[in-house]
């Protein structure tokens, strides 16, 4: 099978709106959480989130396109533009029939859908819907718009698996290149869930932190006082190529994809399996796919959402898989800084792992105050401060509602 490498990246996150800013935010242990500014959240259980800072789509897109795209697609277009430029791809010199895009989003056009429902509620008789309602809200429109802009005529579709969506997109893209069905794949994910229904819906599930008096420290993975995740928004993009294709054009290579894994918990609609069976299996499969030994993993960027059950289950799975090596790795949750980007989480966290490999640092798990007696405190969770160390390999976990698990391993080349 062909080797697959990363040659371009783009990021739009609550702690940095470019790769350079995102790198700085990760190293500084920056919190992206604050009181919601997009709308008046007064009266909601949760009144804060990790919103993008100062994002203006008209700086990147013409007004006509802005009006025809939901935010999640706008985010996708922005990060792909950065990743394309970063990769140095000359689209006139590659076979566009062998270049494609697989993109992840857990929800798609949430704000557009919400607006459509509001229009129905206001109507006296038959509501008047925008002709762009459906094209704006469907999750597959992001990879569609990406392919249109860049003329990518190869494989093109969306992955929708809640918080595992963009890791599934990355894994599927890897498979197509490995099998020789594509030379270049644009992949990643985007999400724009900070709306009345998004915050209200997750809030009614009691999935969100309610630490409204202290948003910046609300996301506390592995802390005994964690009380739920913090909703985030944004996007991440990767340009993947076969190793031969990248070398032939003299591309800069950030990392190689070592292996991927995908499993299901087959247990519960939203709760993880208490013993982390699905998480355990997905990491084992990714390691087998990469043909790597346990002691070759240096860092795990965990799903680490700051939920009472999820953090315990993931740690149990890590210890079950890695045994004694669990204590020699670094572990961290970058969600502690940028919140939970849902379908975009895997892409943003993959980029964090690739930056760790290139810069030899471990992003911190911020907001740790008190150990949880149910979580082994001897593990190195990289609490509160980034750590310098040689990073050769990174394993990145994402787990979604419905029991979807996806894992990707990146390695230094």
Protein backbone atom coordinates (compact mmCIF):
# COMPACT_ATOMS: atom_id res chain seq x y z
CA UNK A 1 0.00 0.00 0.00
CA UNK A 2 1.06 3.57 -0.62
CA UNK A 3 2.40 5.73 2.19
CA UNK A 4 0.37 8.84 3.07
CA UNK A 5 1.83 12.15 4.22
CA UNK A 6 0.60 15.57 5.36
CA UNK A 7 1.81 18.45 3.18
CA UNK A 8 -0.49 21.33 4.15
CA UNK A 9 -2.55 22.51 7.13
CA UNK A 10 -5.11 25.20 7.94
CA UNK A 11 -6.71 26.10 11.27
CA UNK A 12 -9.53 28.32 12.49
CA UNK A 13 -10.02 27.85 16.23
CA UNK A 14 -11.10 29.79 19.33
CA UNK A 15 -7.42 30.08 20.36
CA UNK A 16 -5.97 30.97 16.96
CA UNK A 17 -7.33 31.81 13.51
CA UNK A 18 -4.32 30.56 11.53
CA UNK A 19 -1.81 27.76 11.98
CA UNK A 20 0.72 30.24 13.38
CA UNK A 21 -1.75 31.69 15.89
CA UNK A 22 -3.04 28.24 16.81
CA UNK A 23 0.53 27.07 17.53
CA UNK A 24 1.05 30.06 19.82
CA UNK A 25 -2.25 29.44 21.62
CA UNK A 26 -1.42 25.79 22.22
CA UNK A 27 2.03 26.54 23.59
CA UNK A 28 0.73 29.32 25.83
CA UNK A 29 -2.08 27.23 27.30
CA UNK A 30 -4.61 29.82 26.18
CA UNK A 31 -8.30 29.52 27.07
CA UNK A 32 -10.79 30.37 24.34
CA UNK A 33 -13.86 30.33 26.60
CA UNK A 34 -15.90 33.45 27.33
CA UNK A 35 -19.49 34.64 27.67
CA UNK A 36 -21.34 34.15 24.38
CA UNK A 37 -21.34 37.22 22.15
CA UNK A 38 -23.14 35.83 19.08
CA UNK A 39 -26.53 36.14 20.75
CA UNK A 40 -28.05 36.91 24.14
CA UNK A 41 -27.73 33.71 26.17
CA UNK A 42 -29.36 35.13 29.30
CA UNK A 43 -31.52 32.52 30.99
CA UNK A 44 -29.81 29.48 29.45
CA UNK A 45 -28.22 26.85 31.70
CA UNK A 46 -24.91 27.68 30.02
CA UNK A 47 -24.11 31.22 28.90
CA UNK A 48 -20.55 30.77 27.59
CA UNK A 49 -18.70 28.94 24.85
CA UNK A 50 -15.46 28.94 22.86
CA UNK A 51 -16.33 31.24 19.98
CA UNK A 52 -14.05 32.35 17.16
CA UNK A 53 -12.50 35.72 17.83
CA UNK A 54 -13.09 38.49 15.30
CA UNK A 55 -14.02 36.22 12.41
CA UNK A 56 -15.30 38.18 9.42
CA UNK A 57 -16.12 35.97 6.42
CA UNK A 58 -16.02 38.92 4.04
CA UNK A 59 -12.27 39.10 4.59
CA UNK A 60 -11.98 35.74 2.84
CA UNK A 61 -15.11 35.34 0.69
CA UNK A 62 -17.15 37.65 -1.52
CA UNK A 63 -20.49 38.75 -0.12
CA UNK A 64 -22.45 36.63 -2.61
CA UNK A 65 -20.73 33.46 -1.38
CA UNK A 66 -21.12 34.49 2.26
CA UNK A 67 -24.87 34.82 1.78
CA UNK A 68 -25.04 31.38 0.18
CA UNK A 69 -23.02 29.54 2.81
CA UNK A 70 -23.73 28.57 6.38
CA UNK A 71 -20.96 29.38 8.83
CA UNK A 72 -19.69 25.79 8.87
CA UNK A 73 -19.03 25.99 5.12
CA UNK A 74 -17.47 29.44 5.44
CA UNK A 75 -15.09 28.02 8.05
CA UNK A 76 -14.26 25.11 5.74
CA UNK A 77 -13.43 27.40 2.82
CA UNK A 78 -11.14 29.54 4.97
CA UNK A 79 -9.06 26.69 6.40
CA UNK A 80 -8.78 24.88 3.08
CA UNK A 81 -7.48 28.08 1.47
CA UNK A 82 -4.77 28.28 4.15
CA UNK A 83 -3.92 24.58 3.79
CA UNK A 84 -3.75 24.78 0.00
CA UNK A 85 -1.39 27.75 0.13
CA UNK A 86 0.68 26.02 2.81
CA UNK A 87 0.99 22.87 0.68
CA UNK A 88 2.31 24.71 -2.36
CA UNK A 89 0.14 22.57 -4.64
CA UNK A 90 0.02 23.81 -8.22
CA UNK A 91 -3.44 22.70 -9.34
CA UNK A 92 -2.45 23.10 -12.99
CA UNK A 93 0.26 20.47 -12.57
CA UNK A 94 -1.67 17.72 -10.79
CA UNK A 95 -4.28 15.26 -12.06
CA UNK A 96 -7.52 16.77 -10.72
CA UNK A 97 -9.37 13.53 -11.51
CA UNK A 98 -7.22 11.95 -8.79
CA UNK A 99 -7.67 14.77 -6.27
CA UNK A 100 -10.66 14.74 -3.94
CA UNK A 101 -12.17 15.99 -0.70
CA UNK A 102 -13.73 14.17 2.24
CA UNK A 103 -14.99 16.54 4.92
CA UNK A 104 -16.48 15.99 8.36
CA UNK A 105 -19.26 17.84 10.18
CA UNK A 106 -21.36 16.45 12.97
CA UNK A 107 -24.33 18.74 12.35
CA UNK A 108 -23.80 20.83 9.21
CA UNK A 109 -25.73 24.06 8.79
CA UNK A 110 -27.15 24.33 12.29
CA UNK A 111 -27.76 28.09 12.17
CA UNK A 112 -29.42 27.83 8.75
CA UNK A 113 -31.68 25.04 9.98
CA UNK A 114 -32.59 27.09 13.04
CA UNK A 115 -33.47 30.06 10.84
CA UNK A 116 -35.69 27.87 8.68
CA UNK A 117 -37.62 26.63 11.68
CA UNK A 118 -37.98 30.19 12.97
CA UNK A 119 -39.39 31.23 9.59
CA UNK A 120 -42.00 28.48 9.83
CA UNK A 121 -42.98 29.70 13.30
CA UNK A 122 -43.42 33.29 12.13
CA UNK A 123 -45.50 32.48 9.06
CA UNK A 124 -49.25 33.08 9.22
CA UNK A 125 -49.89 30.51 6.50
CA UNK A 126 -47.24 29.03 4.23
CA UNK A 127 -43.69 30.13 5.18
CA UNK A 128 -41.46 31.66 2.53
CA UNK A 129 -38.19 29.77 2.52
CA UNK A 130 -34.95 30.86 0.93
CA UNK A 131 -33.99 28.79 -2.12
CA UNK A 132 -30.61 28.40 -0.42
CA UNK A 133 -32.05 26.87 2.77
CA UNK A 134 -31.32 23.27 1.82
CA UNK A 135 -28.01 23.85 -0.01
CA UNK A 136 -26.75 25.82 2.98
CA UNK A 137 -27.67 23.34 5.69
CA UNK A 138 -26.76 19.92 4.25
CA UNK A 139 -23.50 18.57 5.67
CA UNK A 140 -22.13 17.47 2.30
CA UNK A 141 -22.20 21.00 0.88
CA UNK A 142 -18.81 21.85 2.42
CA UNK A 143 -16.82 19.26 0.44
CA UNK A 144 -18.99 20.12 -2.56
CA UNK A 145 -18.06 23.79 -2.35
CA UNK A 146 -14.40 22.91 -1.83
CA UNK A 147 -14.37 20.71 -4.93
CA UNK A 148 -16.05 23.45 -6.99
CA UNK A 149 -13.54 26.10 -5.95
CA UNK A 150 -10.46 24.01 -6.63
CA UNK A 151 -11.74 21.80 -9.45
CA UNK A 152 -11.22 18.58 -7.51
CA UNK A 153 -12.97 15.91 -9.61
CA UNK A 154 -12.03 12.87 -7.55
CA UNK A 155 -13.65 11.30 -4.48
CA UNK A 156 -16.00 13.76 -2.78
CA UNK A 157 -18.36 13.27 0.17
CA UNK A 158 -19.03 14.12 3.81
CA UNK A 159 -18.64 12.05 6.96
CA UNK A 160 -21.20 12.54 9.73
CA UNK A 161 -20.42 10.71 12.96
CA UNK A 162 -20.84 13.37 15.63
CA UNK A 163 -17.53 14.19 17.31
CA UNK A 164 -15.66 11.51 15.34
CA UNK A 165 -16.64 13.03 11.97
CA UNK A 166 -13.36 14.61 10.91
CA UNK A 167 -11.22 11.72 12.13
CA UNK A 168 -13.39 9.48 9.98
CA UNK A 169 -12.85 11.90 7.09
CA UNK A 170 -9.08 11.73 7.60
CA UNK A 171 -9.11 7.94 7.92
CA UNK A 172 -11.19 7.46 4.78
CA UNK A 173 -8.96 9.85 2.83
CA UNK A 174 -5.92 7.87 3.93
CA UNK A 175 -7.50 4.64 2.71
CA UNK A 176 -8.23 5.99 -0.78
CA UNK A 177 -4.64 7.17 -1.22
CA UNK A 178 -3.25 3.91 0.14
CA UNK A 179 -5.37 1.94 -2.32
CA UNK A 180 -4.14 4.01 -5.24
CA UNK A 181 -7.53 5.62 -5.92
CA UNK A 182 -6.30 9.17 -5.28
CA UNK A 183 -3.02 11.08 -5.22
CA UNK A 184 -4.22 14.11 -3.23
CA UNK A 185 -7.03 14.44 -0.69
CA UNK A 186 -8.27 17.58 1.04
CA UNK A 187 -9.73 16.56 4.38
CA UNK A 188 -10.70 17.82 7.82
CA UNK A 189 -13.86 19.16 9.38
CA UNK A 190 -15.82 22.24 10.38
CA UNK A 191 -18.60 23.03 12.84
CA UNK A 192 -20.65 26.08 13.80
CA UNK A 193 -22.91 24.89 16.64
CA UNK A 194 -22.98 27.97 18.88
CA UNK A 195 -26.64 28.87 18.33
CA UNK A 196 -29.74 29.03 20.54
CA UNK A 197 -30.60 25.40 19.71
CA UNK A 198 -27.01 24.19 19.87
CA UNK A 199 -26.28 25.53 23.33
CA UNK A 200 -29.81 24.92 24.51
CA UNK A 201 -29.93 21.36 23.20
CA UNK A 202 -26.63 20.25 24.64
CA UNK A 203 -27.50 22.11 27.83
CA UNK A 204 -30.77 20.25 28.26
CA UNK A 205 -28.79 16.99 28.07
CA UNK A 206 -26.66 18.32 30.95
CA UNK A 207 -23.64 17.72 28.74
CA UNK A 208 -22.28 21.28 29.07
CA UNK A 209 -20.42 22.87 31.94
CA UNK A 210 -22.51 25.42 33.81
CA UNK A 211 -19.59 27.28 35.36
CA UNK A 212 -21.02 30.57 34.09
CA UNK A 213 -19.15 32.65 36.67
CA UNK A 214 -15.76 31.39 35.47
CA UNK A 215 -15.85 30.45 31.76
CA UNK A 216 -12.08 30.48 31.22
CA UNK A 217 -11.52 27.60 33.64
CA UNK A 218 -14.78 25.76 32.97
CA UNK A 219 -13.30 22.99 30.83
CA UNK A 220 -11.42 20.82 33.34
CA UNK A 221 -10.54 17.43 31.84
CA UNK A 222 -9.59 14.82 34.45
CA UNK A 223 -10.23 17.25 37.33
CA UNK A 224 -12.51 16.02 40.10
CA UNK A 225 -14.73 19.10 39.68
CA UNK A 226 -15.30 18.75 35.92
CA UNK A 227 -18.96 19.24 35.10
CA UNK A 228 -19.26 18.92 31.32
CA UNK A 229 -17.73 20.13 28.10
CA UNK A 230 -17.53 23.63 26.65
CA UNK A 231 -18.99 24.05 23.18
CA UNK A 232 -16.58 25.34 20.55
CA UNK A 233 -16.63 26.25 16.86
CA UNK A 234 -14.12 26.30 14.04
CA UNK A 235 -12.38 24.11 11.51
CA UNK A 236 -9.18 22.32 10.58
CA UNK A 237 -7.89 21.18 7.18
CA UNK A 238 -5.16 18.78 6.06
CA UNK A 239 -3.73 18.22 2.61
CA UNK A 240 -2.84 14.54 2.27
CA UNK A 241 -0.77 13.08 -0.55
CA UNK A 242 0.88 9.81 -1.39
CA UNK A 243 4.52 9.94 -0.37
CA UNK A 244 5.61 9.46 -3.98
CA UNK A 245 3.42 12.33 -5.21
CA UNK A 246 4.69 14.68 -2.50
CA UNK A 247 8.35 13.79 -3.10
CA UNK A 248 8.01 14.13 -6.86
CA UNK A 249 6.92 17.75 -6.53
CA UNK A 250 9.37 18.59 -3.75
CA UNK A 251 6.69 19.25 -1.12
CA UNK A 252 7.41 19.99 2.52
CA UNK A 253 6.18 17.01 4.56
CA UNK A 254 4.91 17.66 8.09
CA UNK A 255 4.25 14.06 9.12
CA UNK A 256 3.26 10.65 7.88
CA UNK A 257 -0.02 8.91 8.72
CA UNK A 258 1.03 5.81 10.59
CA UNK A 259 -2.33 4.12 11.01
CA UNK A 260 -6.04 4.60 11.53
CA UNK A 261 -8.79 2.81 13.40
CA UNK A 262 -12.58 2.90 13.57
CA UNK A 263 -14.94 1.07 15.94
CA UNK A 264 -18.32 1.30 17.65
CA UNK A 265 -19.17 1.04 21.34
CA UNK A 266 -22.48 -0.68 20.54
CA UNK A 267 -23.54 0.35 24.02
CA UNK A 268 -25.48 3.60 24.55
CA UNK A 269 -26.81 6.59 22.62
CA UNK A 270 -24.59 9.15 24.37
CA UNK A 271 -22.66 7.54 27.25
CA UNK A 272 -19.33 5.77 26.66
CA UNK A 273 -18.91 2.14 27.58
CA UNK A 274 -17.84 2.28 31.26
CA UNK A 275 -14.82 0.07 30.57
CA UNK A 276 -13.93 1.98 27.42
CA UNK A 277 -14.20 -1.12 25.21
CA UNK A 278 -14.79 0.81 21.98
CA UNK A 279 -11.97 3.24 22.78
CA UNK A 280 -9.69 0.36 23.70
CA UNK A 281 -10.39 -1.47 20.46
CA UNK A 282 -9.96 1.57 18.22
CA UNK A 283 -6.50 2.31 19.60
CA UNK A 284 -5.46 -1.33 19.20
CA UNK A 285 -6.66 -1.33 15.58
CA UNK A 286 -4.80 1.91 14.81
CA UNK A 287 -1.60 0.49 16.30
CA UNK A 288 -1.99 -2.72 14.32
CA UNK A 289 -2.65 -0.74 11.16
CA UNK A 290 0.50 1.30 11.79
CA UNK A 291 2.47 -1.87 12.61
CA UNK A 292 3.76 -0.11 15.69
CA UNK A 293 4.64 -1.31 19.16
CA UNK A 294 3.01 0.22 22.23
CA UNK A 295 6.26 1.82 23.38
CA UNK A 296 6.58 3.77 20.13
CA UNK A 297 3.76 6.17 21.05
CA UNK A 298 5.05 9.36 22.66
CA UNK A 299 1.87 11.40 23.05
CA UNK A 300 -1.88 10.84 23.04
CA UNK A 301 -4.12 13.78 22.22
CA UNK A 302 -7.14 12.39 24.03
CA UNK A 303 -10.82 12.97 23.38
CA UNK A 304 -10.83 14.36 26.94
CA UNK A 305 -14.08 16.32 26.94
CA UNK A 306 -14.25 17.12 30.67
CA UNK A 307 -17.34 14.98 31.24
CA UNK A 308 -17.62 12.89 34.41
CA UNK A 309 -18.00 9.52 32.65
CA UNK A 310 -16.06 10.10 29.44
CA UNK A 311 -12.72 11.02 30.99
CA UNK A 312 -12.71 8.00 33.29
CA UNK A 313 -13.61 5.60 30.47
CA UNK A 314 -10.91 6.94 28.16
CA UNK A 315 -8.20 6.71 30.81
CA UNK A 316 -9.28 3.14 31.58
CA UNK A 317 -8.99 2.31 27.89
CA UNK A 318 -5.53 3.87 27.61
CA UNK A 319 -4.23 1.92 30.59
CA UNK A 320 -5.78 -1.31 29.31
CA UNK A 321 -4.04 -0.89 25.94
CA UNK A 322 -0.68 0.56 26.96
CA UNK A 323 -0.11 -0.96 30.40
CA UNK A 324 3.20 0.21 31.91
CA UNK A 325 3.93 2.42 28.91
CA UNK A 326 0.96 4.57 29.95
CA UNK A 327 3.26 6.21 32.50
CA UNK A 328 5.97 7.03 29.94
CA UNK A 329 3.74 8.86 27.46
CA UNK A 330 2.38 12.36 27.62
CA UNK A 331 -1.38 12.72 27.55
CA UNK A 332 -3.27 15.95 27.06
CA UNK A 333 -6.67 17.34 26.16
CA UNK A 334 -6.48 20.38 23.92
CA UNK A 335 -10.25 20.74 24.40
CA UNK A 336 -9.36 22.29 27.75
CA UNK A 337 -8.22 25.32 25.71
CA UNK A 338 -10.44 25.51 22.62
CA UNK A 339 -13.54 23.68 23.76
CA UNK A 340 -15.26 20.87 21.91
CA UNK A 341 -15.47 21.55 18.17
CA UNK A 342 -17.71 18.49 17.68
CA UNK A 343 -17.30 17.35 14.06
CA UNK A 344 -14.23 19.56 13.62
CA UNK A 345 -12.52 18.30 16.79
CA UNK A 346 -10.56 15.52 15.13
CA UNK A 347 -9.09 17.80 12.48
CA UNK A 348 -8.10 20.55 14.93
CA UNK A 349 -6.61 18.01 17.33
CA UNK A 350 -4.78 16.21 14.52
CA UNK A 351 -3.11 19.51 13.68
CA UNK A 352 -2.17 19.96 17.35
CA UNK A 353 -0.50 16.56 17.23
CA UNK A 354 1.35 17.33 14.00
CA UNK A 355 2.59 20.62 15.46
CA UNK A 356 3.80 18.67 18.51
CA UNK A 357 5.83 16.41 16.22
CA UNK A 358 7.33 19.32 14.31
CA UNK A 359 8.06 21.54 17.32
CA UNK A 360 8.80 18.84 19.93
CA UNK A 361 6.33 20.07 22.52
CA UNK A 362 3.23 18.73 24.25
CA UNK A 363 0.23 21.08 24.45
CA UNK A 364 -1.08 21.27 28.03
CA UNK A 365 -4.29 20.19 29.67
CA UNK A 366 -5.18 23.48 31.34
CA UNK A 367 -7.51 24.19 34.26
CA UNK A 368 -6.38 21.37 36.50
CA UNK A 369 -6.88 22.11 40.18
CA UNK A 370 -7.75 18.88 42.01
CA UNK A 371 -6.95 15.26 41.20
CA UNK A 372 -9.83 12.84 40.72
CA UNK A 373 -9.32 9.77 42.95
CA UNK A 374 -10.88 7.64 40.20
CA UNK A 375 -8.17 8.68 37.72
CA UNK A 376 -4.55 7.54 38.14
CA UNK A 377 -2.63 10.69 39.09
CA UNK A 378 0.69 9.07 38.15
CA UNK A 379 -0.15 9.45 34.47
CA UNK A 380 1.41 12.48 32.79
CA UNK A 381 -1.60 14.58 31.75
CA UNK A 382 0.67 17.57 30.99
CA UNK A 383 -1.34 19.68 33.41
CA UNK A 384 -1.41 23.47 33.10
CA UNK A 385 1.84 24.00 31.19
CA UNK A 386 3.22 22.85 27.83
CA UNK A 387 6.13 20.44 28.05
CA UNK A 388 9.15 20.15 25.76
CA UNK A 389 10.15 16.64 24.71
CA UNK A 390 11.02 14.76 21.56
CA UNK A 391 7.79 13.75 19.86
CA UNK A 392 8.11 11.10 17.18
CA UNK A 393 4.58 9.72 17.21
CA UNK A 394 1.15 10.99 18.21
CA UNK A 395 -2.09 9.09 18.64
CA UNK A 396 -5.26 11.20 18.34
CA UNK A 397 -8.62 9.97 19.69
CA UNK A 398 -12.14 11.13 18.88
CA UNK A 399 -15.36 9.56 20.15
CA UNK A 400 -18.88 10.58 19.15
CA UNK A 401 -22.46 10.28 20.37
CA UNK A 402 -23.84 7.04 18.97
CA UNK A 403 -20.70 5.20 20.07
CA UNK A 404 -18.52 6.16 17.09
CA UNK A 405 -14.77 5.91 17.70
CA UNK A 406 -11.99 6.99 15.34
CA UNK A 407 -8.25 7.12 15.93
CA UNK A 408 -5.37 8.37 13.78
CA UNK A 409 -1.63 7.93 14.40
CA UNK A 410 0.84 10.49 13.02
CA UNK A 411 4.59 9.97 12.94
CA UNK A 412 7.74 11.92 12.18
CA UNK A 413 9.16 11.24 8.75
